[in-house]
Amino acid sequence: MIMESTVTGRDLSRCNPFLLQKVIESAIGSKPEEVTRLRGGKLLLKLNNDRQASKAVKIKKIPDRIGDIEVKVEEHPTLNTSKGIIRCPDIEFLTEQEILEGLKTQKVSEVTIMKRKINGELKNTRTAILLFKSTTVPRSVDFGLYPILVELYIPNPMRCTTCLKIGHTKKWCRGERVCGNCSLPDHENECSNTKCVSCGDNHHTLNKNCPVYIDEVEIQKIKTINRVTYGEAKRIRRRQCPTVPRKFTTETSYAHTASNSKHTHNINEKEKNNTEINTSLVKQATTQNKNETQTLTDKTKINKQQQIKQQNKNPEEKASLYSNIEQEQEKKYSGIAHSLRRV
């Protein structure tokens, strides 16, 4: 629901918020689900059910320090409805009124047939946009004798046909007419270079691959799917992708900036990977050195143990060895003594 002042020169932007709370809660019987301030001093009221909405419409005055402010409360023109797309060959030879008459019982309040120019004359296509009196789009509608699938309609970004900037229409434009190819004031001569009005890159302004245009398409998707205002959808988008350009305001192209940012990110990733590889190699080398040191230590221990074993032989073996040596010496000396006696 939208609440706005009907008094010229007085709006709700400077109205006491506590008085507003008391008036609204006393009228609908409870606290509204959400209240948002809009441009022009309006309030967007998100209520819990239709009963609260019918009660909110009865609010006519808001107390203020200077005096009561007369207000009106009415349904939001778009947030209480939803749009869907249908595709059918029969649409080519039907009128919008005929389709509306056939779908009125299915909560359809408006029908718009998509058209195209053929030999300078507008002709119906097989596509139509349906406006439903509900916050959700049905999966299908009965198109006469057979059902037709319904897809959620997501509008294209709003673009001015004068300055070619995204976000407003020709009606509210204060700029001058520009060339869509070079972004300079409109001219008849050939363009010297190509430059986008939105992002500053070297492509035509109406190119659908423009990063600013793609960003606006995502904002429209968020707005439609989540059923929020454009401002809230834009804030959600900025939280999701803070580096996506909003508008081209400097000499540097936002597309190039995004590309450089991505390149820097890739370089950082490579450096990180190289660091991880070097760290892994150092760890492997350290482990190998430790293993080699351990092997040498083990060999040294074994050699020492063998030396100790050699030094600490069995005493019985030592005694037997000494006994054999003594016997050999005695035999030698006895032989010498026997020779001396003969002489």
C-alpha atoms as a PDB file:
ATOM      1  CA  MET A   1       0.000   0.000   0.000  1.00  0.00           C
ATOM      2  CA  ILE A   2       1.101   3.598  -0.699  1.00  0.00           C
ATOM      3  CA  MET A   3       0.408   6.395   1.779  1.00  0.00           C
ATOM      4  CA  GLU A   4       0.903   9.948   0.532  1.00  0.00           C
ATOM      5  CA  SER A   5      -0.159  13.472   1.444  1.00  0.00           C
ATOM      6  CA  THR A   6      -2.916  15.190  -0.528  1.00  0.00           C
ATOM      7  CA  VAL A   7      -1.887  18.658   0.720  1.00  0.00           C
ATOM      8  CA  THR A   8       0.366  20.638  -1.629  1.00  0.00           C
ATOM      9  CA  GLY A   9       3.671  21.607  -0.017  1.00  0.00           C
ATOM     10  CA  ARG A  10       3.323  19.146   2.860  1.00  0.00           C
ATOM     11  CA  ASP A  11       4.466  15.536   2.742  1.00  0.00           C
ATOM     12  CA  LEU A  12       5.198  12.756   5.227  1.00  0.00           C
ATOM     13  CA  SER A  13       9.001  13.061   5.085  1.00  0.00           C
ATOM     14  CA  ARG A  14       9.117  15.336   8.154  1.00  0.00           C
ATOM     15  CA  CYS A  15       6.177  13.829   9.988  1.00  0.00           C
ATOM     16  CA  ASN A  16       6.737  12.461  13.513  1.00  0.00           C
ATOM     17  CA  PRO A  17       7.433   8.713  13.028  1.00  0.00           C
ATOM     18  CA  PHE A  18       5.990   7.845  16.443  1.00  0.00           C
ATOM     19  CA  LEU A  19       2.680   9.534  15.614  1.00  0.00           C
ATOM     20  CA  LEU A  20       2.660   7.701  12.280  1.00  0.00           C
ATOM     21  CA  GLN A  21       3.178   4.418  14.096  1.00  0.00           C
ATOM     22  CA  LYS A  22       0.276   5.062  16.478  1.00  0.00           C
ATOM     23  CA  VAL A  23      -2.115   6.052  13.683  1.00  0.00           C
ATOM     24  CA  ILE A  24      -1.264   3.079  11.458  1.00  0.00           C
ATOM     25  CA  GLU A  25      -1.288   0.473  14.237  1.00  0.00           C
ATOM     26  CA  SER A  26      -4.578   1.737  15.662  1.00  0.00           C
ATOM     27  CA  ALA A  27      -6.138   1.628  12.185  1.00  0.00           C
ATOM     28  CA  ILE A  28      -5.060  -1.870  11.105  1.00  0.00           C
ATOM     29  CA  GLY A  29      -5.000  -3.424  14.592  1.00  0.00           C
ATOM     30  CA  SER A  30      -1.321  -4.468  14.630  1.00  0.00           C
ATOM     31  CA  LYS A  31       2.136  -3.481  13.501  1.00  0.00           C
ATOM     32  CA  PRO A  32       2.647  -3.558   9.690  1.00  0.00           C
ATOM     33  CA  GLU A  33       5.098  -6.110   8.374  1.00  0.00           C
ATOM     34  CA  GLU A  34       7.362  -3.414   6.918  1.00  0.00           C
ATOM     35  CA  VAL A  35       7.351   0.349   6.280  1.00  0.00           C
ATOM     36  CA  THR A  36       9.684   2.040   3.772  1.00  0.00           C
ATOM     37  CA  ARG A  37      10.096   5.740   2.976  1.00  0.00           C
ATOM     38  CA  LEU A  38       9.899   6.560  -0.731  1.00  0.00           C
ATOM     39  CA  ARG A  39      10.756   9.617  -2.785  1.00  0.00           C
ATOM     40  CA  GLY A  40       8.393  12.545  -2.559  1.00  0.00           C
ATOM     41  CA  GLY A  41       7.562  11.920   1.095  1.00  0.00           C
ATOM     42  CA  LYS A  42       5.512   8.781   0.426  1.00  0.00           C
ATOM     43  CA  LEU A  43       5.357   5.660   2.582  1.00  0.00           C
ATOM     44  CA  LEU A  44       5.276   2.077   1.328  1.00  0.00           C
ATOM     45  CA  LEU A  45       3.289  -0.129   3.717  1.00  0.00           C
ATOM     46  CA  LYS A  46       3.730  -3.884   3.519  1.00  0.00           C
ATOM     47  CA  LEU A  47       0.756  -5.459   5.313  1.00  0.00           C
ATOM     48  CA  ASN A  48       0.047  -9.022   6.378  1.00  0.00           C
ATOM     49  CA  ASN A  49      -3.322  -9.640   4.698  1.00  0.00           C
ATOM     50  CA  ASP A  50      -6.212  -8.128   2.716  1.00  0.00           C
ATOM     51  CA  ARG A  51      -8.148  -7.283   5.880  1.00  0.00           C
ATOM     52  CA  GLN A  52      -5.386  -4.971   7.064  1.00  0.00           C
ATOM     53  CA  ALA A  53      -5.255  -3.419   3.594  1.00  0.00           C
ATOM     54  CA  SER A  54      -8.988  -2.641   3.652  1.00  0.00           C
ATOM     55  CA  LYS A  55      -8.569  -0.990   7.070  1.00  0.00           C
ATOM     56  CA  ALA A  56      -5.519   1.019   5.996  1.00  0.00           C
ATOM     57  CA  VAL A  57      -7.490   2.604   3.140  1.00  0.00           C
ATOM     58  CA  LYS A  58      -9.694   4.307   5.773  1.00  0.00           C
ATOM     59  CA  ILE A  59      -6.778   6.385   7.127  1.00  0.00           C
ATOM     60  CA  LYS A  60      -7.472  10.005   6.084  1.00  0.00           C
ATOM     61  CA  LYS A  61      -5.436  12.184   8.473  1.00  0.00           C
ATOM     62  CA  ILE A  62      -2.060  12.146  10.194  1.00  0.00           C
ATOM     63  CA  PRO A  63      -1.538  14.491  13.205  1.00  0.00           C
ATOM     64  CA  ASP A  64       1.384  16.909  12.969  1.00  0.00           C
ATOM     65  CA  ARG A  65       2.841  19.810  14.966  1.00  0.00           C
ATOM     66  CA  ILE A  66       1.508  22.389  12.519  1.00  0.00           C
ATOM     67  CA  GLY A  67      -1.797  20.640  11.982  1.00  0.00           C
ATOM     68  CA  ASP A  68      -3.314  17.468  10.592  1.00  0.00           C
ATOM     69  CA  ILE A  69      -2.027  16.252   7.221  1.00  0.00           C
ATOM     70  CA  GLU A  70      -4.668  14.846   4.917  1.00  0.00           C
ATOM     71  CA  VAL A  71      -3.491  11.610   3.310  1.00  0.00           C
ATOM     72  CA  LYS A  72      -4.705   8.862   1.027  1.00  0.00           C
ATOM     73  CA  VAL A  73      -3.819   5.172   1.102  1.00  0.00           C
ATOM     74  CA  GLU A  74      -4.143   3.036  -2.012  1.00  0.00           C
ATOM     75  CA  GLU A  75      -2.710  -0.109  -3.532  1.00  0.00           C
ATOM     76  CA  HIS A  76       0.751  -0.019  -5.066  1.00  0.00           C
ATOM     77  CA  PRO A  77       0.368  -0.027  -8.866  1.00  0.00           C
ATOM     78  CA  THR A  78       2.789  -2.917  -9.462  1.00  0.00           C
ATOM     79  CA  LEU A  79       3.740  -4.729  -6.232  1.00  0.00           C
ATOM     80  CA  ASN A  80       0.252  -6.238  -5.802  1.00  0.00           C
ATOM     81  CA  THR A  81       0.212  -7.637  -9.323  1.00  0.00           C
ATOM     82  CA  SER A  82       2.406  -9.934 -11.377  1.00  0.00           C
ATOM     83  CA  LYS A  83       3.166 -10.310 -15.060  1.00  0.00           C
ATOM     84  CA  GLY A  84       3.546 -13.471 -17.092  1.00  0.00           C
ATOM     85  CA  ILE A  85       4.319 -14.351 -20.713  1.00  0.00           C
ATOM     86  CA  ILE A  86       2.377 -16.796 -22.846  1.00  0.00           C
ATOM     87  CA  ARG A  87       3.264 -18.060 -26.323  1.00  0.00           C
ATOM     88  CA  CYS A  88       0.680 -19.466 -28.698  1.00  0.00           C
ATOM     89  CA  PRO A  89       0.126 -19.416 -32.512  1.00  0.00           C
ATOM     90  CA  ASP A  90      -3.506 -18.321 -31.964  1.00  0.00           C
ATOM     91  CA  ILE A  91      -2.326 -14.949 -30.620  1.00  0.00           C
ATOM     92  CA  GLU A  92      -1.334 -13.903 -34.147  1.00  0.00           C
ATOM     93  CA  PHE A  93      -4.986 -13.515 -35.268  1.00  0.00           C
ATOM     94  CA  LEU A  94      -6.617 -12.488 -31.941  1.00  0.00           C
ATOM     95  CA  THR A  95      -7.031  -9.013 -30.425  1.00  0.00           C
ATOM     96  CA  GLU A  96      -6.012  -7.988 -26.925  1.00  0.00           C
ATOM     97  CA  GLN A  97      -9.663  -7.469 -25.962  1.00  0.00           C
ATOM     98  CA  GLU A  98     -10.636 -10.968 -27.145  1.00  0.00           C
ATOM     99  CA  ILE A  99      -7.870 -12.557 -25.073  1.00  0.00           C
ATOM    100  CA  LEU A 100      -8.799 -10.439 -22.035  1.00  0.00           C
ATOM    101  CA  GLU A 101     -12.452 -11.480 -22.263  1.00  0.00           C
ATOM    102  CA  GLY A 102     -11.441 -15.124 -22.388  1.00  0.00           C
ATOM    103  CA  LEU A 103      -9.038 -14.911 -19.417  1.00  0.00           C
ATOM    104  CA  LYS A 104     -10.906 -12.547 -17.066  1.00  0.00           C
ATOM    105  CA  THR A 105     -12.072 -15.407 -14.868  1.00  0.00           C
ATOM    106  CA  GLN A 106      -8.420 -16.403 -14.306  1.00  0.00           C
ATOM    107  CA  LYS A 107      -7.454 -13.100 -12.602  1.00  0.00           C
ATOM    108  CA  VAL A 108      -6.115 -11.510 -15.788  1.00  0.00           C
ATOM    109  CA  SER A 109      -6.674  -7.739 -15.798  1.00  0.00           C
ATOM    110  CA  GLU A 110      -4.623  -6.646 -18.810  1.00  0.00           C
ATOM    111  CA  VAL A 111      -3.271  -8.157 -22.030  1.00  0.00           C
ATOM    112  CA  THR A 112      -0.469  -6.771 -24.202  1.00  0.00           C
ATOM    113  CA  ILE A 113       0.373  -8.506 -27.469  1.00  0.00           C
ATOM    114  CA  MET A 114       3.987  -8.156 -28.592  1.00  0.00           C
ATOM    115  CA  LYS A 115       4.180  -6.720 -32.124  1.00  0.00           C
ATOM    116  CA  ARG A 116       6.766  -6.395 -34.865  1.00  0.00           C
ATOM    117  CA  LYS A 117       7.039  -4.431 -38.089  1.00  0.00           C
ATOM    118  CA  ILE A 118       6.561  -6.318 -41.334  1.00  0.00           C
ATOM    119  CA  ASN A 119       6.769  -4.201 -44.513  1.00  0.00           C
ATOM    120  CA  GLY A 120       6.195  -1.062 -42.438  1.00  0.00           C
ATOM    121  CA  GLU A 121       3.081  -2.460 -40.738  1.00  0.00           C
ATOM    122  CA  LEU A 122       2.785  -3.668 -37.124  1.00  0.00           C
ATOM    123  CA  LYS A 123       1.802  -7.320 -36.891  1.00  0.00           C
ATOM    124  CA  ASN A 124       0.984  -9.545 -33.922  1.00  0.00           C
ATOM    125  CA  THR A 125       3.587 -12.030 -32.773  1.00  0.00           C
ATOM    126  CA  ARG A 126       2.848 -15.293 -30.971  1.00  0.00           C
ATOM    127  CA  THR A 127       3.711 -13.744 -27.599  1.00  0.00           C
ATOM    128  CA  ALA A 128       1.517 -11.843 -25.143  1.00  0.00           C
ATOM    129  CA  ILE A 129       2.112 -10.340 -21.690  1.00  0.00           C
ATOM    130  CA  LEU A 130      -0.605 -10.947 -19.084  1.00  0.00           C
ATOM    131  CA  LEU A 131      -1.150  -8.841 -15.952  1.00  0.00           C
ATOM    132  CA  PHE A 132      -2.532 -10.913 -13.056  1.00  0.00           C
ATOM    133  CA  LYS A 133      -4.385  -9.591 -10.006  1.00  0.00           C
ATOM    134  CA  SER A 134      -2.168 -11.628  -7.696  1.00  0.00           C
ATOM    135  CA  THR A 135       1.363 -11.560  -6.366  1.00  0.00           C
ATOM    136  CA  THR A 136       2.248 -14.877  -8.009  1.00  0.00           C
ATOM    137  CA  VAL A 137       2.052 -16.051 -11.597  1.00  0.00           C
ATOM    138  CA  PRO A 138       0.092 -19.277 -12.247  1.00  0.00           C
ATOM    139  CA  ARG A 139       1.871 -22.179 -13.887  1.00  0.00           C
ATOM    140  CA  SER A 140      -0.641 -22.204 -16.744  1.00  0.00           C
ATOM    141  CA  VAL A 141      -3.859 -20.631 -18.028  1.00  0.00           C
ATOM    142  CA  ASP A 142      -6.707 -22.250 -19.912  1.00  0.00           C
ATOM    143  CA  PHE A 143      -6.521 -20.678 -23.354  1.00  0.00           C
ATOM    144  CA  GLY A 144      -9.900 -21.837 -24.593  1.00  0.00           C
ATOM    145  CA  LEU A 145      -9.815 -25.606 -24.980  1.00  0.00           C
ATOM    146  CA  TYR A 146      -6.198 -26.206 -23.991  1.00  0.00           C
ATOM    147  CA  PRO A 147      -3.755 -25.016 -21.292  1.00  0.00           C
ATOM    148  CA  ILE A 148      -0.761 -22.766 -22.009  1.00  0.00           C
ATOM    149  CA  LEU A 149       2.321 -22.492 -19.805  1.00  0.00           C
ATOM    150  CA  VAL A 150       2.960 -19.098 -18.180  1.00  0.00           C
ATOM    151  CA  GLU A 151       6.491 -17.759 -17.635  1.00  0.00           C
ATOM    152  CA  LEU A 152       7.415 -14.976 -15.228  1.00  0.00           C
ATOM    153  CA  TYR A 153       7.854 -11.716 -17.141  1.00  0.00           C
ATOM    154  CA  ILE A 154      11.082  -9.843 -16.375  1.00  0.00           C
ATOM    155  CA  PRO A 155      11.144  -6.371 -17.978  1.00  0.00           C
ATOM    156  CA  ASN A 156      14.151  -5.024 -19.829  1.00  0.00           C
ATOM    157  CA  PRO A 157      16.150  -2.210 -18.201  1.00  0.00           C
ATOM    158  CA  MET A 158      14.688   1.267 -18.669  1.00  0.00           C
ATOM    159  CA  ARG A 159      16.682   3.291 -21.221  1.00  0.00           C
ATOM    160  CA  CYS A 160      16.283   6.888 -22.386  1.00  0.00           C
ATOM    161  CA  THR A 161      15.980   7.307 -26.159  1.00  0.00           C
ATOM    162  CA  THR A 162      17.530  10.792 -25.979  1.00  0.00           C
ATOM    163  CA  CYS A 163      20.738  10.446 -23.949  1.00  0.00           C
ATOM    164  CA  LEU A 164      20.719   6.605 -24.150  1.00  0.00           C
ATOM    165  CA  LYS A 165      21.490   6.264 -20.438  1.00  0.00           C
ATOM    166  CA  ILE A 166      19.909   3.508 -18.361  1.00  0.00           C
ATOM    167  CA  GLY A 167      17.548   4.327 -15.491  1.00  0.00           C
ATOM    168  CA  HIS A 168      15.082   6.888 -16.872  1.00  0.00           C
ATOM    169  CA  THR A 169      12.911   7.588 -19.915  1.00  0.00           C
ATOM    170  CA  LYS A 170      12.756  10.347 -22.497  1.00  0.00           C
ATOM    171  CA  LYS A 171       9.982  12.068 -20.529  1.00  0.00           C
ATOM    172  CA  TRP A 172      12.285  12.876 -17.590  1.00  0.00           C
ATOM    173  CA  CYS A 173      15.516  13.415 -19.539  1.00  0.00           C
ATOM    174  CA  ARG A 174      17.357  16.742 -19.279  1.00  0.00           C
ATOM    175  CA  GLY A 175      20.315  15.772 -21.415  1.00  0.00           C
ATOM    176  CA  GLU A 176      21.014  16.284 -25.081  1.00  0.00           C
ATOM    177  CA  ARG A 177      20.661  13.726 -27.830  1.00  0.00           C
ATOM    178  CA  VAL A 178      23.808  11.649 -28.269  1.00  0.00           C
ATOM    179  CA  CYS A 179      25.161   9.184 -30.801  1.00  0.00           C
ATOM    180  CA  GLY A 180      24.886   5.570 -29.700  1.00  0.00           C
ATOM    181  CA  ASN A 181      28.092   4.619 -31.488  1.00  0.00           C
ATOM    182  CA  CYS A 182      30.591   7.203 -30.212  1.00  0.00           C
ATOM    183  CA  SER A 183      28.722   8.777 -27.216  1.00  0.00           C
ATOM    184  CA  LEU A 184      29.256  12.290 -28.623  1.00  0.00           C
ATOM    185  CA  PRO A 185      26.418  14.761 -29.332  1.00  0.00           C
ATOM    186  CA  ASP A 186      24.248  13.522 -32.182  1.00  0.00           C
ATOM    187  CA  HIS A 187      25.832  14.160 -35.589  1.00  0.00           C
ATOM    188  CA  GLU A 188      25.487  13.172 -39.227  1.00  0.00           C
ATOM    189  CA  ASN A 189      29.153  12.513 -39.983  1.00  0.00           C
ATOM    190  CA  GLU A 190      30.804   9.136 -39.528  1.00  0.00           C
ATOM    191  CA  CYS A 191      32.035   8.339 -36.020  1.00  0.00           C
ATOM    192  CA  SER A 192      35.771   8.543 -35.389  1.00  0.00           C
ATOM    193  CA  ASN A 193      35.694   5.825 -32.716  1.00  0.00           C
ATOM    194  CA  THR A 194      33.279   3.578 -30.823  1.00  0.00           C
ATOM    195  CA  LYS A 195      32.436   4.239 -27.201  1.00  0.00           C
ATOM    196  CA  CYS A 196      29.558   3.058 -24.991  1.00  0.00           C
ATOM    197  CA  VAL A 197      27.596   5.720 -23.086  1.00  0.00           C
ATOM    198  CA  SER A 198      27.122   3.418 -20.093  1.00  0.00           C
ATOM    199  CA  CYS A 199      30.489   1.714 -19.518  1.00  0.00           C
ATOM    200  CA  GLY A 200      32.910   3.635 -21.773  1.00  0.00           C
ATOM    201  CA  ASP A 201      34.171   0.532 -23.553  1.00  0.00           C
ATOM    202  CA  ASN A 202      34.652   0.329 -27.328  1.00  0.00           C
ATOM    203  CA  HIS A 203      31.275  -1.130 -28.302  1.00  0.00           C
ATOM    204  CA  HIS A 204      27.876   0.276 -29.324  1.00  0.00           C
ATOM    205  CA  THR A 205      25.745   1.640 -26.489  1.00  0.00           C
ATOM    206  CA  LEU A 206      22.866  -0.748 -27.313  1.00  0.00           C
ATOM    207  CA  ASN A 207      25.106  -3.813 -27.190  1.00  0.00           C
ATOM    208  CA  LYS A 208      23.490  -6.321 -24.803  1.00  0.00           C
ATOM    209  CA  ASN A 209      26.908  -7.598 -23.703  1.00  0.00           C
ATOM    210  CA  CYS A 210      27.642  -4.248 -22.027  1.00  0.00           C
ATOM    211  CA  PRO A 211      28.551  -4.911 -18.344  1.00  0.00           C
ATOM    212  CA  VAL A 212      26.304  -2.070 -17.138  1.00  0.00           C
ATOM    213  CA  TYR A 213      23.355  -3.414 -19.146  1.00  0.00           C
ATOM    214  CA  ILE A 214      23.928  -6.958 -17.846  1.00  0.00           C
ATOM    215  CA  ASP A 215      24.061  -5.569 -14.306  1.00  0.00           C
ATOM    216  CA  GLU A 216      20.725  -3.780 -14.822  1.00  0.00           C
ATOM    217  CA  VAL A 217      19.174  -6.993 -16.170  1.00  0.00           C
ATOM    218  CA  GLU A 218      20.187  -8.774 -12.955  1.00  0.00           C
ATOM    219  CA  ILE A 219      18.677  -5.945 -10.888  1.00  0.00           C
ATOM    220  CA  GLN A 220      15.394  -6.338 -12.782  1.00  0.00           C
ATOM    221  CA  LYS A 221      15.446 -10.081 -12.093  1.00  0.00           C
ATOM    222  CA  ILE A 222      15.952  -9.496  -8.362  1.00  0.00           C
ATOM    223  CA  LYS A 223      13.210  -6.854  -8.330  1.00  0.00           C
ATOM    224  CA  THR A 224      10.709  -9.122 -10.101  1.00  0.00           C
ATOM    225  CA  ILE A 225      11.454 -12.421  -8.364  1.00  0.00           C
ATOM    226  CA  ASN A 226      11.737 -10.993  -4.830  1.00  0.00           C
ATOM    227  CA  ARG A 227       8.944  -8.436  -5.352  1.00  0.00           C
ATOM    228  CA  VAL A 228      10.882  -5.467  -3.991  1.00  0.00           C
ATOM    229  CA  THR A 229      11.398  -1.899  -5.143  1.00  0.00           C
ATOM    230  CA  TYR A 230      14.113  -0.995  -7.631  1.00  0.00           C
ATOM    231  CA  GLY A 231      16.213   0.658  -4.910  1.00  0.00           C
ATOM    232  CA  GLU A 232      16.101  -2.423  -2.680  1.00  0.00           C
ATOM    233  CA  ALA A 233      16.881  -4.696  -5.641  1.00  0.00           C
ATOM    234  CA  LYS A 234      19.893  -2.532  -6.488  1.00  0.00           C
ATOM    235  CA  ARG A 235      21.180  -2.719  -2.907  1.00  0.00           C
ATOM    236  CA  ILE A 236      20.845  -6.517  -2.972  1.00  0.00           C
ATOM    237  CA  ARG A 237      22.718  -6.646  -6.273  1.00  0.00           C
ATOM    238  CA  ARG A 238      25.521  -4.445  -4.936  1.00  0.00           C
ATOM    239  CA  ARG A 239      25.950  -6.775  -1.972  1.00  0.00           C
ATOM    240  CA  GLN A 240      26.180  -9.732  -4.348  1.00  0.00           C
ATOM    241  CA  CYS A 241      28.545  -8.104  -6.876  1.00  0.00           C
ATOM    242  CA  PRO A 242      30.131  -4.942  -5.460  1.00  0.00           C
ATOM    243  CA  THR A 243      32.647  -4.686  -8.332  1.00  0.00           C
ATOM    244  CA  VAL A 244      30.038  -4.534 -11.108  1.00  0.00           C
ATOM    245  CA  PRO A 245      29.931  -0.947 -12.505  1.00  0.00           C
ATOM    246  CA  ARG A 246      26.978   1.317 -11.713  1.00  0.00           C
ATOM    247  CA  LYS A 247      27.628   4.102 -14.223  1.00  0.00           C
ATOM    248  CA  PHE A 248      30.474   5.331 -16.383  1.00  0.00           C
ATOM    249  CA  THR A 249      31.701   8.576 -14.815  1.00  0.00           C
ATOM    250  CA  THR A 250      35.482   8.666 -15.445  1.00  0.00           C
ATOM    251  CA  GLU A 251      37.914   8.445 -18.327  1.00  0.00           C
ATOM    252  CA  THR A 252      38.739   4.838 -17.449  1.00  0.00           C
ATOM    253  CA  SER A 253      36.411   2.188 -18.820  1.00  0.00           C
ATOM    254  CA  TYR A 254      34.559   0.224 -16.175  1.00  0.00           C
ATOM    255  CA  ALA A 255      34.821  -2.801 -18.432  1.00  0.00           C
ATOM    256  CA  HIS A 256      38.608  -2.431 -18.478  1.00  0.00           C
ATOM    257  CA  THR A 257      38.643  -1.859 -14.728  1.00  0.00           C
ATOM    258  CA  ALA A 258      36.673  -5.053 -14.166  1.00  0.00           C
ATOM    259  CA  SER A 259      39.001  -6.892 -16.559  1.00  0.00           C
ATOM    260  CA  ASN A 260      42.100  -5.569 -14.757  1.00  0.00           C
ATOM    261  CA  SER A 261      40.579  -6.517 -11.433  1.00  0.00           C
ATOM    262  CA  LYS A 262      39.992 -10.033 -12.728  1.00  0.00           C
ATOM    263  CA  HIS A 263      43.568 -10.167 -14.120  1.00  0.00           C
ATOM    264  CA  THR A 264      44.976  -9.034 -10.764  1.00  0.00           C
ATOM    265  CA  HIS A 265      42.891 -11.662  -9.040  1.00  0.00           C
ATOM    266  CA  ASN A 266      44.284 -14.330 -11.384  1.00  0.00           C
ATOM    267  CA  ILE A 267      47.863 -13.147 -10.702  1.00  0.00           C
ATOM    268  CA  ASN A 268      47.255 -13.311  -6.969  1.00  0.00           C
ATOM    269  CA  GLU A 269      45.849 -16.811  -7.379  1.00  0.00           C
ATOM    270  CA  LYS A 270      48.957 -17.858  -9.345  1.00  0.00           C
ATOM    271  CA  GLU A 271      51.268 -16.382  -6.696  1.00  0.00           C
ATOM    272  CA  LYS A 272      49.290 -18.169  -4.027  1.00  0.00           C
ATOM    273  CA  ASN A 273      49.569 -21.467  -5.923  1.00  0.00           C
ATOM    274  CA  ASN A 274      53.331 -20.954  -6.462  1.00  0.00           C
ATOM    275  CA  THR A 275      53.787 -20.242  -2.758  1.00  0.00           C
ATOM    276  CA  GLU A 276      51.887 -23.390  -1.883  1.00  0.00           C
ATOM    277  CA  ILE A 277      54.020 -25.436  -4.319  1.00  0.00           C
ATOM    278  CA  ASN A 278      57.267 -23.978  -2.905  1.00  0.00           C
ATOM    279  CA  THR A 279      56.113 -24.678   0.636  1.00  0.00           C
ATOM    280  CA  SER A 280      55.303 -28.251  -0.341  1.00  0.00           C
ATOM    281  CA  LEU A 281      58.736 -28.715  -1.946  1.00  0.00           C
ATOM    282  CA  VAL A 282      60.476 -27.314   1.148  1.00  0.00           C
ATOM    283  CA  LYS A 283      58.495 -29.692   3.330  1.00  0.00           C
ATOM    284  CA  GLN A 284      59.446 -32.635   1.094  1.00  0.00           C
ATOM    285  CA  ALA A 285      63.142 -31.648   1.138  1.00  0.00           C
ATOM    286  CA  THR A 286      63.083 -31.226   4.914  1.00  0.00           C
ATOM    287  CA  THR A 287      61.454 -34.629   5.330  1.00  0.00           C
ATOM    288  CA  GLN A 288      64.035 -36.230   3.006  1.00  0.00           C
ATOM    289  CA  ASN A 289      66.924 -34.646   4.934  1.00  0.00           C
ATOM    290  CA  LYS A 290      65.439 -35.869   8.180  1.00  0.00           C
ATOM    291  CA  ASN A 291      65.170 -39.394   6.765  1.00  0.00           C
ATOM    292  CA  GLU A 292      68.778 -39.313   5.506  1.00  0.00           C
ATOM    293  CA  THR A 293      70.013 -38.005   8.864  1.00  0.00           C
ATOM    294  CA  GLN A 294      68.069 -40.712  10.632  1.00  0.00           C
ATOM    295  CA  THR A 295      69.591 -43.360   8.340  1.00  0.00           C
ATOM    296  CA  LEU A 296      73.128 -42.119   9.028  1.00  0.00           C
ATOM    297  CA  THR A 297      72.426 -42.045  12.742  1.00  0.00           C
ATOM    298  CA  ASP A 298      71.138 -45.607  12.616  1.00  0.00           C
ATOM    299  CA  LYS A 299      74.249 -46.779  10.709  1.00  0.00           C
ATOM    300  CA  THR A 300      76.527 -45.047  13.220  1.00  0.00           C
ATOM    301  CA  LYS A 301      74.707 -46.726  16.070  1.00  0.00           C
ATOM    302  CA  ILE A 302      75.078 -50.125  14.384  1.00  0.00           C
ATOM    303  CA  ASN A 303      78.830 -49.598  13.854  1.00  0.00           C
ATOM    304  CA  LYS A 304      79.297 -48.578  17.461  1.00  0.00           C
ATOM    305  CA  GLN A 305      77.353 -51.609  18.625  1.00  0.00           C
ATOM    306  CA  GLN A 306      79.530 -53.880  16.448  1.00  0.00           C
ATOM    307  CA  GLN A 307      82.698 -52.317  17.890  1.00  0.00           C
ATOM    308  CA  ILE A 308      81.397 -52.788  21.393  1.00  0.00           C
ATOM    309  CA  LYS A 309      80.594 -56.412  20.600  1.00  0.00           C
ATOM    310  CA  GLN A 310      84.104 -56.906  19.248  1.00  0.00           C
ATOM    311  CA  GLN A 311      85.553 -55.372  22.364  1.00  0.00           C
ATOM    312  CA  ASN A 312      83.269 -57.272  24.696  1.00  0.00           C
ATOM    313  CA  LYS A 313      83.788 -60.797  23.399  1.00  0.00           C
ATOM    314  CA  ASN A 314      82.992 -63.854  25.508  1.00  0.00           C
ATOM    315  CA  PRO A 315      85.682 -64.357  28.269  1.00  0.00           C
ATOM    316  CA  GLU A 316      85.805 -68.111  27.568  1.00  0.00           C
ATOM    317  CA  GLU A 317      86.757 -67.439  23.939  1.00  0.00           C
ATOM    318  CA  LYS A 318      89.500 -65.051  25.119  1.00  0.00           C
ATOM    319  CA  ALA A 319      90.908 -67.694  27.611  1.00  0.00           C
ATOM    320  CA  SER A 320      90.948 -70.403  24.937  1.00  0.00           C
ATOM    321  CA  LEU A 321      92.823 -68.081  22.583  1.00  0.00           C
ATOM    322  CA  TYR A 322      95.458 -67.239  25.220  1.00  0.00           C
ATOM    323  CA  SER A 323      95.876 -70.979  26.114  1.00  0.00           C
ATOM    324  CA  ASN A 324      96.587 -71.898  22.498  1.00  0.00           C
ATOM    325  CA  ILE A 325      99.234 -69.165  22.252  1.00  0.00           C
ATOM    326  CA  GLU A 326     100.956 -70.386  25.436  1.00  0.00           C
ATOM    327  CA  GLN A 327     101.022 -74.007  24.203  1.00  0.00           C
ATOM    328  CA  GLU A 328     102.638 -72.967  20.926  1.00  0.00           C
ATOM    329  CA  GLN A 329     105.279 -70.960  22.783  1.00  0.00           C
ATOM    330  CA  GLU A 330     106.053 -73.918  25.130  1.00  0.00           C
ATOM    331  CA  LYS A 331     106.502 -76.279  22.142  1.00  0.00           C
ATOM    332  CA  LYS A 332     108.883 -73.785  20.551  1.00  0.00           C
ATOM    333  CA  TYR A 333     111.007 -73.349  23.690  1.00  0.00           C
ATOM    334  CA  SER A 334     111.114 -77.131  24.420  1.00  0.00           C
ATOM    335  CA  GLY A 335     112.421 -77.781  20.895  1.00  0.00           C
ATOM    336  CA  ILE A 336     115.216 -75.233  21.378  1.00  0.00           C
ATOM    337  CA  ALA A 337     116.224 -76.797  24.761  1.00  0.00           C
ATOM    338  CA  HIS A 338     116.370 -80.318  23.244  1.00  0.00           C
ATOM    339  CA  SER A 339     118.716 -79.087  20.508  1.00  0.00           C
ATOM    340  CA  LEU A 340     121.072 -77.509  23.060  1.00  0.00           C
ATOM    341  CA  ARG A 341     121.356 -80.776  25.022  1.00  0.00           C
ATOM    342  CA  ARG A 342     122.528 -82.705  21.909  1.00  0.00           C
ATOM    343  CA  VAL A 343     125.211 -80.167  21.342  1.00  0.00           C
END
